[in-house]
Amino acid sequence: IVFPALALAALIIDYIKRPEVRGTLLDSHFNWQIRTFWFMLLWSAIGGVLCLVFIGWVVLAAAGVWYIYRVAKGWLRLSEGRSVP
């Protein structure tokens, strides 16, 4: 329950602050976070539905690994002062 609430809070902050960071290094990071949220929501929904046929756990696990990768890559690039693709 904590994770989705924090992710949603971060999404709202990203959308509110997005105009302030246009054209800066943070612009790509905000876009990265927003895309990560929406794709994770999509894959979580697909995985949740597929749990009815037991393959959903594989989808959810893959989505979790992908999410961790996105967070780690974003943090590393930000700490290096680089944008994300």
C-alpha atoms as a PDB file:
ATOM      1  CA  ILE A   1       0.000   0.000   0.000  1.00  0.00           C
ATOM      2  CA  VAL A   2       2.889   2.367   0.743  1.00  0.00           C
ATOM      3  CA  PHE A   3       4.650   1.903  -2.609  1.00  0.00           C
ATOM      4  CA  PRO A   4       1.689   2.787  -4.856  1.00  0.00           C
ATOM      5  CA  ALA A   5       0.851   5.822  -2.724  1.00  0.00           C
ATOM      6  CA  LEU A   6       4.434   7.107  -2.889  1.00  0.00           C
ATOM      7  CA  ALA A   7       4.651   6.437  -6.625  1.00  0.00           C
ATOM      8  CA  LEU A   8       1.394   8.319  -7.182  1.00  0.00           C
ATOM      9  CA  ALA A   9       2.632  11.226  -5.040  1.00  0.00           C
ATOM     10  CA  ALA A  10       5.856  11.357  -7.082  1.00  0.00           C
ATOM     11  CA  LEU A  11       3.839  11.336 -10.315  1.00  0.00           C
ATOM     12  CA  ILE A  12       1.714  14.258  -9.151  1.00  0.00           C
ATOM     13  CA  ILE A  13       4.807  16.213  -8.105  1.00  0.00           C
ATOM     14  CA  ASP A  14       6.444  15.477 -11.466  1.00  0.00           C
ATOM     15  CA  TYR A  15       3.444  16.800 -13.374  1.00  0.00           C
ATOM     16  CA  ILE A  16       3.190  19.914 -11.166  1.00  0.00           C
ATOM     17  CA  LYS A  17       6.909  20.745 -11.310  1.00  0.00           C
ATOM     18  CA  ARG A  18       7.421  19.749 -14.944  1.00  0.00           C
ATOM     19  CA  PRO A  19       7.030  23.276 -16.386  1.00  0.00           C
ATOM     20  CA  GLU A  20       9.718  24.590 -14.009  1.00  0.00           C
ATOM     21  CA  VAL A  21      12.352  22.157 -15.293  1.00  0.00           C
ATOM     22  CA  ARG A  22      11.723  22.453 -19.033  1.00  0.00           C
ATOM     23  CA  GLY A  23      14.985  22.591 -20.939  1.00  0.00           C
ATOM     24  CA  THR A  24      17.117  21.501 -17.979  1.00  0.00           C
ATOM     25  CA  LEU A  25      18.792  18.245 -17.050  1.00  0.00           C
ATOM     26  CA  LEU A  26      15.853  17.426 -14.791  1.00  0.00           C
ATOM     27  CA  ASP A  27      13.427  17.578 -17.720  1.00  0.00           C
ATOM     28  CA  SER A  28      14.582  14.199 -19.018  1.00  0.00           C
ATOM     29  CA  HIS A  29      14.487  12.731 -15.507  1.00  0.00           C
ATOM     30  CA  PHE A  30      10.919  13.912 -14.917  1.00  0.00           C
ATOM     31  CA  ASN A  31       9.859  12.400 -18.255  1.00  0.00           C
ATOM     32  CA  TRP A  32      11.708   9.188 -17.325  1.00  0.00           C
ATOM     33  CA  GLN A  33       9.857   8.966 -13.997  1.00  0.00           C
ATOM     34  CA  ILE A  34       6.483   9.686 -15.582  1.00  0.00           C
ATOM     35  CA  ARG A  35       6.973   7.036 -18.290  1.00  0.00           C
ATOM     36  CA  THR A  36       8.213   4.563 -15.683  1.00  0.00           C
ATOM     37  CA  PHE A  37       5.067   5.065 -13.591  1.00  0.00           C
ATOM     38  CA  TRP A  38       2.626   4.622 -16.472  1.00  0.00           C
ATOM     39  CA  PHE A  39       4.379   1.585 -17.956  1.00  0.00           C
ATOM     40  CA  MET A  40       4.652  -0.026 -14.517  1.00  0.00           C
ATOM     41  CA  LEU A  41       0.938   0.573 -13.975  1.00  0.00           C
ATOM     42  CA  LEU A  42       0.185  -1.001 -17.360  1.00  0.00           C
ATOM     43  CA  TRP A  43       2.354  -4.089 -16.752  1.00  0.00           C
ATOM     44  CA  SER A  44       1.019  -4.462 -13.219  1.00  0.00           C
ATOM     45  CA  ALA A  45      -2.546  -4.431 -14.531  1.00  0.00           C
ATOM     46  CA  ILE A  46      -1.710  -6.968 -17.236  1.00  0.00           C
ATOM     47  CA  GLY A  47       0.135  -9.141 -14.714  1.00  0.00           C
ATOM     48  CA  GLY A  48      -2.741  -8.870 -12.260  1.00  0.00           C
ATOM     49  CA  VAL A  49      -5.245 -10.071 -14.850  1.00  0.00           C
ATOM     50  CA  LEU A  50      -2.920 -12.858 -15.987  1.00  0.00           C
ATOM     51  CA  CYS A  51      -2.567 -14.061 -12.388  1.00  0.00           C
ATOM     52  CA  LEU A  52      -5.919 -15.697 -12.992  1.00  0.00           C
ATOM     53  CA  VAL A  53      -4.118 -18.129 -15.309  1.00  0.00           C
ATOM     54  CA  PHE A  54      -0.954 -18.277 -13.167  1.00  0.00           C
ATOM     55  CA  ILE A  55       1.357 -16.689 -15.756  1.00  0.00           C
ATOM     56  CA  GLY A  56       0.797 -13.275 -14.222  1.00  0.00           C
ATOM     57  CA  TRP A  57       3.441 -13.863 -11.571  1.00  0.00           C
ATOM     58  CA  VAL A  58       6.063 -14.027 -14.308  1.00  0.00           C
ATOM     59  CA  VAL A  59       4.819 -10.748 -15.778  1.00  0.00           C
ATOM     60  CA  LEU A  60       4.762  -9.095 -12.343  1.00  0.00           C
ATOM     61  CA  ALA A  61       8.268 -10.340 -11.530  1.00  0.00           C
ATOM     62  CA  ALA A  62       9.606  -9.085 -14.867  1.00  0.00           C
ATOM     63  CA  ALA A  63       7.887  -5.733 -14.321  1.00  0.00           C
ATOM     64  CA  GLY A  64       9.468  -5.496 -10.870  1.00  0.00           C
ATOM     65  CA  VAL A  65      12.943  -6.164 -12.252  1.00  0.00           C
ATOM     66  CA  TRP A  66      12.354  -3.624 -15.037  1.00  0.00           C
ATOM     67  CA  TYR A  67      11.193  -1.044 -12.475  1.00  0.00           C
ATOM     68  CA  ILE A  68      14.300  -1.538 -10.317  1.00  0.00           C
ATOM     69  CA  TYR A  69      16.457  -1.149 -13.442  1.00  0.00           C
ATOM     70  CA  ARG A  70      14.705   2.118 -14.355  1.00  0.00           C
ATOM     71  CA  VAL A  71      15.091   3.543 -10.859  1.00  0.00           C
ATOM     72  CA  ALA A  72      18.770   2.541 -10.648  1.00  0.00           C
ATOM     73  CA  LYS A  73      19.573   3.899 -14.108  1.00  0.00           C
ATOM     74  CA  GLY A  74      17.821   7.178 -13.361  1.00  0.00           C
ATOM     75  CA  TRP A  75      19.653   7.628 -10.054  1.00  0.00           C
ATOM     76  CA  LEU A  76      23.025   6.781 -11.588  1.00  0.00           C
ATOM     77  CA  ARG A  77      22.554   9.156 -14.498  1.00  0.00           C
ATOM     78  CA  LEU A  78      21.347  11.929 -12.189  1.00  0.00           C
ATOM     79  CA  SER A  79      24.314  11.448  -9.841  1.00  0.00           C
ATOM     80  CA  GLU A  80      26.619  11.748 -12.877  1.00  0.00           C
ATOM     81  CA  GLY A  81      24.849  14.914 -14.011  1.00  0.00           C
ATOM     82  CA  ARG A  82      23.617  13.249 -17.193  1.00  0.00           C
ATOM     83  CA  SER A  83      20.179  13.091 -18.747  1.00  0.00           C
ATOM     84  CA  VAL A  84      18.312   9.866 -19.363  1.00  0.00           C
ATOM     85  CA  PRO A  85      17.140   8.832 -22.824  1.00  0.00           C
END
